[in-house]
């Protein structure tokens, strides 16, 4: 197997009867394109959008 399968169920949580997102979506591509979380940044593999995390 070349890549590890993505667990879509890990992108959402159920709280008080409502579905809540656990991951961020790309502001350029819109809903459906989830940003990958790295140690120092958020990254969209579709449009190459990068958002750096704030460090202390």
PDB file of N, CA and C in Angstrom:
ATOM      1  N   UNK A   1       0.845  -1.169   0.000  1.00  0.00           N
ATOM      2  CA  UNK A   1       0.000   0.000   0.000  1.00  0.00           C
ATOM      3  C   UNK A   1       0.894   1.237   0.000  1.00  0.00           C
ATOM      4  N   UNK A   2       0.609   2.153  -0.899  1.00  0.00           N
ATOM      5  CA  UNK A   2       1.434   3.347  -1.032  1.00  0.00           C
ATOM      6  C   UNK A   2       1.159   4.366   0.067  1.00  0.00           C
ATOM      7  N   UNK A   3      -0.104   4.622   0.363  1.00  0.00           N
ATOM      8  CA  UNK A   3      -0.473   5.611   1.369  1.00  0.00           C
ATOM      9  C   UNK A   3      -1.391   5.000   2.424  1.00  0.00           C
ATOM     10  N   UNK A   4      -1.387   5.592   3.583  1.00  0.00           N
ATOM     11  CA  UNK A   4      -2.259   5.175   4.669  1.00  0.00           C
ATOM     12  C   UNK A   4      -3.659   5.739   4.418  1.00  0.00           C
ATOM     13  N   UNK A   5      -4.722   4.960   4.541  1.00  0.00           N
ATOM     14  CA  UNK A   5      -6.065   5.483   4.313  1.00  0.00           C
ATOM     15  C   UNK A   5      -6.442   6.546   5.354  1.00  0.00           C
ATOM     16  N   UNK A   6      -7.186   7.558   4.909  1.00  0.00           N
ATOM     17  CA  UNK A   6      -7.606   8.657   5.781  1.00  0.00           C
ATOM     18  C   UNK A   6      -8.899   8.272   6.488  1.00  0.00           C
ATOM     19  N   UNK A   7      -8.958   8.510   7.793  1.00  0.00           N
ATOM     20  CA  UNK A   7     -10.173   8.242   8.554  1.00  0.00           C
ATOM     21  C   UNK A   7     -11.005   9.526   8.600  1.00  0.00           C
ATOM     22  N   UNK A   8     -12.001   9.619   7.739  1.00  0.00           N
ATOM     23  CA  UNK A   8     -12.841  10.810   7.664  1.00  0.00           C
ATOM     24  C   UNK A   8     -13.589  11.069   8.970  1.00  0.00           C
ATOM     25  N   UNK A   9     -13.853  10.019   9.726  1.00  0.00           N
ATOM     26  CA  UNK A   9     -14.589  10.183  10.978  1.00  0.00           C
ATOM     27  C   UNK A   9     -13.775  10.957  12.016  1.00  0.00           C
ATOM     28  N   UNK A  10     -12.456  11.031  11.849  1.00  0.00           N
ATOM     29  CA  UNK A  10     -11.634  11.780  12.797  1.00  0.00           C
ATOM     30  C   UNK A  10     -11.701  13.287  12.546  1.00  0.00           C
ATOM     31  N   UNK A  11     -12.334  13.729  11.450  1.00  0.00           N
ATOM     32  CA  UNK A  11     -12.458  15.151  11.138  1.00  0.00           C
ATOM     33  C   UNK A  11     -13.649  15.800  11.842  1.00  0.00           C
ATOM     34  N   UNK A  12     -14.516  14.985  12.468  1.00  0.00           N
ATOM     35  CA  UNK A  12     -15.726  15.509  13.103  1.00  0.00           C
ATOM     36  C   UNK A  12     -15.908  14.920  14.488  1.00  0.00           C
ATOM     37  N   UNK A  13     -16.573  15.685  15.363  1.00  0.00           N
ATOM     38  CA  UNK A  13     -16.948  15.198  16.688  1.00  0.00           C
ATOM     39  C   UNK A  13     -18.399  15.568  16.934  1.00  0.00           C
ATOM     40  N   UNK A  14     -19.066  14.763  17.729  1.00  0.00           N
ATOM     41  CA  UNK A  14     -20.459  15.006  18.065  1.00  0.00           C
ATOM     42  C   UNK A  14     -20.528  15.565  19.482  1.00  0.00           C
ATOM     43  N   UNK A  15     -21.031  16.802  19.618  1.00  0.00           N
ATOM     44  CA  UNK A  15     -21.172  17.443  20.928  1.00  0.00           C
ATOM     45  C   UNK A  15     -22.574  18.021  21.054  1.00  0.00           C
ATOM     46  N   UNK A  16     -23.247  17.622  22.106  1.00  0.00           N
ATOM     47  CA  UNK A  16     -24.589  18.115  22.420  1.00  0.00           C
ATOM     48  C   UNK A  16     -25.545  17.991  21.236  1.00  0.00           C
ATOM     49  N   UNK A  17     -25.443  16.910  20.505  1.00  0.00           N
ATOM     50  CA  UNK A  17     -26.337  16.659  19.379  1.00  0.00           C
ATOM     51  C   UNK A  17     -25.981  17.409  18.111  1.00  0.00           C
ATOM     52  N   UNK A  18     -24.844  18.113  18.094  1.00  0.00           N
ATOM     53  CA  UNK A  18     -24.418  18.850  16.905  1.00  0.00           C
ATOM     54  C   UNK A  18     -23.066  18.331  16.438  1.00  0.00           C
ATOM     55  N   UNK A  19     -22.866  18.359  15.133  1.00  0.00           N
ATOM     56  CA  UNK A  19     -21.600  17.922  14.551  1.00  0.00           C
ATOM     57  C   UNK A  19     -20.642  19.110  14.558  1.00  0.00           C
ATOM     58  N   UNK A  20     -19.423  18.867  15.033  1.00  0.00           N
ATOM     59  CA  UNK A  20     -18.420  19.919  15.128  1.00  0.00           C
ATOM     60  C   UNK A  20     -17.175  19.485  14.364  1.00  0.00           C
ATOM     61  N   UNK A  21     -16.579  20.398  13.602  1.00  0.00           N
ATOM     62  CA  UNK A  21     -15.364  20.084  12.852  1.00  0.00           C
ATOM     63  C   UNK A  21     -14.157  20.099  13.791  1.00  0.00           C
ATOM     64  N   UNK A  22     -13.243  19.158  13.593  1.00  0.00           N
ATOM     65  CA  UNK A  22     -12.011  19.150  14.378  1.00  0.00           C
ATOM     66  C   UNK A  22     -10.841  19.678  13.561  1.00  0.00           C
ATOM     67  N   UNK A  23     -10.973  19.678  12.254  1.00  0.00           N
ATOM     68  CA  UNK A  23      -9.922  20.174  11.365  1.00  0.00           C
ATOM     69  C   UNK A  23     -10.379  21.450  10.683  1.00  0.00           C
ATOM     70  N   UNK A  24      -9.434  22.204  10.181  1.00  0.00           N
ATOM     71  CA  UNK A  24      -9.744  23.450   9.488  1.00  0.00           C
ATOM     72  C   UNK A  24      -9.853  23.192   7.991  1.00  0.00           C
ATOM     73  N   UNK A  25     -10.710  23.967   7.331  1.00  0.00           N
ATOM     74  CA  UNK A  25     -10.852  23.881   5.886  1.00  0.00           C
ATOM     75  C   UNK A  25     -10.079  25.005   5.215  1.00  0.00           C
ATOM     76  N   UNK A  26      -9.678  24.790   3.977  1.00  0.00           N
ATOM     77  CA  UNK A  26      -8.892  25.766   3.231  1.00  0.00           C
ATOM     78  C   UNK A  26      -9.760  26.975   2.889  1.00  0.00           C
ATOM     79  N   UNK A  27      -9.287  28.202   3.194  1.00  0.00           N
ATOM     80  CA  UNK A  27     -10.066  29.394   2.864  1.00  0.00           C
ATOM     81  C   UNK A  27     -10.123  29.675   1.360  1.00  0.00           C
ATOM     82  N   UNK A  28      -9.164  29.192   0.591  1.00  0.00           N
ATOM     83  CA  UNK A  28      -9.163  29.390  -0.866  1.00  0.00           C
ATOM     84  C   UNK A  28     -10.051  28.379  -1.581  1.00  0.00           C
ATOM     85  N   UNK A  29      -9.895  27.100  -1.229  1.00  0.00           N
ATOM     86  CA  UNK A  29     -10.614  26.025  -1.925  1.00  0.00           C
ATOM     87  C   UNK A  29     -12.031  25.833  -1.398  1.00  0.00           C
ATOM     88  N   UNK A  30     -12.275  26.196  -0.148  1.00  0.00           N
ATOM     89  CA  UNK A  30     -13.604  26.069   0.420  1.00  0.00           C
ATOM     90  C   UNK A  30     -13.806  24.753   1.149  1.00  0.00           C
ATOM     91  N   UNK A  31     -15.058  24.508   1.514  1.00  0.00           N
ATOM     92  CA  UNK A  31     -15.398  23.297   2.256  1.00  0.00           C
ATOM     93  C   UNK A  31     -15.072  22.064   1.429  1.00  0.00           C
ATOM     94  N   UNK A  32     -14.605  21.046   2.103  1.00  0.00           N
ATOM     95  CA  UNK A  32     -14.260  19.809   1.430  1.00  0.00           C
ATOM     96  C   UNK A  32     -12.762  19.603   1.302  1.00  0.00           C
ATOM     97  N   UNK A  33     -11.980  20.675   1.382  1.00  0.00           N
ATOM     98  CA  UNK A  33     -10.531  20.579   1.333  1.00  0.00           C
ATOM     99  C   UNK A  33      -9.983  20.889   2.716  1.00  0.00           C
ATOM    100  N   UNK A  34      -9.524  19.841   3.388  1.00  0.00           N
ATOM    101  CA  UNK A  34      -9.069  19.954   4.774  1.00  0.00           C
ATOM    102  C   UNK A  34      -7.591  20.311   4.794  1.00  0.00           C
ATOM    103  N   UNK A  35      -7.219  21.234   5.682  1.00  0.00           N
ATOM    104  CA  UNK A  35      -5.818  21.603   5.839  1.00  0.00           C
ATOM    105  C   UNK A  35      -5.095  20.540   6.656  1.00  0.00           C
ATOM    106  N   UNK A  36      -3.919  20.154   6.194  1.00  0.00           N
ATOM    107  CA  UNK A  36      -3.089  19.197   6.926  1.00  0.00           C
ATOM    108  C   UNK A  36      -2.412  19.941   8.066  1.00  0.00           C
ATOM    109  N   UNK A  37      -2.390  19.315   9.231  1.00  0.00           N
ATOM    110  CA  UNK A  37      -1.774  19.954  10.393  1.00  0.00           C
ATOM    111  C   UNK A  37      -0.352  19.429  10.573  1.00  0.00           C
ATOM    112  N   UNK A  38       0.610  20.343  10.475  1.00  0.00           N
ATOM    113  CA  UNK A  38       2.008  20.027  10.724  1.00  0.00           C
ATOM    114  C   UNK A  38       2.419  20.669  12.033  1.00  0.00           C
ATOM    115  N   UNK A  39       3.642  20.425  12.454  1.00  0.00           N
ATOM    116  CA  UNK A  39       4.116  20.947  13.737  1.00  0.00           C
ATOM    117  C   UNK A  39       4.104  22.478  13.777  1.00  0.00           C
ATOM    118  N   UNK A  40       4.457  23.120  12.663  1.00  0.00           N
ATOM    119  CA  UNK A  40       4.602  24.566  12.648  1.00  0.00           C
ATOM    120  C   UNK A  40       3.672  25.299  11.673  1.00  0.00           C
ATOM    121  N   UNK A  41       2.779  24.560  10.983  1.00  0.00           N
ATOM    122  CA  UNK A  41       1.938  25.208   9.972  1.00  0.00           C
ATOM    123  C   UNK A  41       0.712  24.362   9.636  1.00  0.00           C
ATOM    124  N   UNK A  42      -0.265  24.996   8.977  1.00  0.00           N
ATOM    125  CA  UNK A  42      -1.410  24.331   8.351  1.00  0.00           C
ATOM    126  C   UNK A  42      -1.161  24.407   6.854  1.00  0.00           C
ATOM    127  N   UNK A  43      -1.471  23.334   6.104  1.00  0.00           N
ATOM    128  CA  UNK A  43      -1.127  23.286   4.688  1.00  0.00           C
ATOM    129  C   UNK A  43      -2.230  22.631   3.868  1.00  0.00           C
ATOM    130  N   UNK A  44      -2.559  23.239   2.725  1.00  0.00           N
ATOM    131  CA  UNK A  44      -3.518  22.667   1.772  1.00  0.00           C
ATOM    132  C   UNK A  44      -2.736  22.046   0.625  1.00  0.00           C
ATOM    133  N   UNK A  45      -2.908  20.759   0.404  1.00  0.00           N
ATOM    134  CA  UNK A  45      -2.211  20.058  -0.666  1.00  0.00           C
ATOM    135  C   UNK A  45      -2.796  20.330  -2.037  1.00  0.00           C
ATOM    136  N   UNK A  46      -3.989  20.908  -2.089  1.00  0.00           N
ATOM    137  CA  UNK A  46      -4.639  21.165  -3.371  1.00  0.00           C
ATOM    138  C   UNK A  46      -4.136  22.460  -4.002  1.00  0.00           C
ATOM    139  N   UNK A  47      -4.147  23.560  -3.240  1.00  0.00           N
ATOM    140  CA  UNK A  47      -3.748  24.862  -3.801  1.00  0.00           C
ATOM    141  C   UNK A  47      -2.430  25.378  -3.222  1.00  0.00           C
ATOM    142  N   UNK A  48      -1.793  24.608  -2.338  1.00  0.00           N
ATOM    143  CA  UNK A  48      -0.511  24.936  -1.707  1.00  0.00           C
ATOM    144  C   UNK A  48      -0.590  26.127  -0.755  1.00  0.00           C
ATOM    145  N   UNK A  49      -1.781  26.390  -0.227  1.00  0.00           N
ATOM    146  CA  UNK A  49      -1.972  27.451   0.766  1.00  0.00           C
ATOM    147  C   UNK A  49      -1.293  27.029   2.061  1.00  0.00           C
ATOM    148  N   UNK A  50      -0.530  27.946   2.681  1.00  0.00           N
ATOM    149  CA  UNK A  50       0.161  27.665   3.942  1.00  0.00           C
ATOM    150  C   UNK A  50      -0.175  28.750   4.942  1.00  0.00           C
ATOM    151  N   UNK A  51      -0.514  28.347   6.124  1.00  0.00           N
ATOM    152  CA  UNK A  51      -0.785  29.265   7.221  1.00  0.00           C
ATOM    153  C   UNK A  51       0.117  28.855   8.374  1.00  0.00           C
ATOM    154  N   UNK A  52       1.018  29.746   8.782  1.00  0.00           N
ATOM    155  CA  UNK A  52       1.978  29.436   9.837  1.00  0.00           C
ATOM    156  C   UNK A  52       1.335  29.576  11.197  1.00  0.00           C
ATOM    157  N   UNK A  53       1.673  28.655  12.078  1.00  0.00           N
ATOM    158  CA  UNK A  53       1.174  28.715  13.452  1.00  0.00           C
ATOM    159  C   UNK A  53       1.984  29.747  14.224  1.00  0.00           C
ATOM    160  N   UNK A  54       1.347  30.377  15.171  1.00  0.00           N
ATOM    161  CA  UNK A  54       2.033  31.357  16.001  1.00  0.00           C
ATOM    162  C   UNK A  54       2.824  30.620  17.075  1.00  0.00           C
ATOM    163  N   UNK A  55       4.084  30.979  17.207  1.00  0.00           N
ATOM    164  CA  UNK A  55       4.924  30.365  18.225  1.00  0.00           C
ATOM    165  C   UNK A  55       5.210  31.371  19.325  1.00  0.00           C
ATOM    166  N   UNK A  56       5.403  30.857  20.504  1.00  0.00           N
ATOM    167  CA  UNK A  56       5.676  31.744  21.636  1.00  0.00           C
ATOM    168  C   UNK A  56       7.139  31.934  21.839  1.00  0.00           C
TER     169      UNK A  56
END
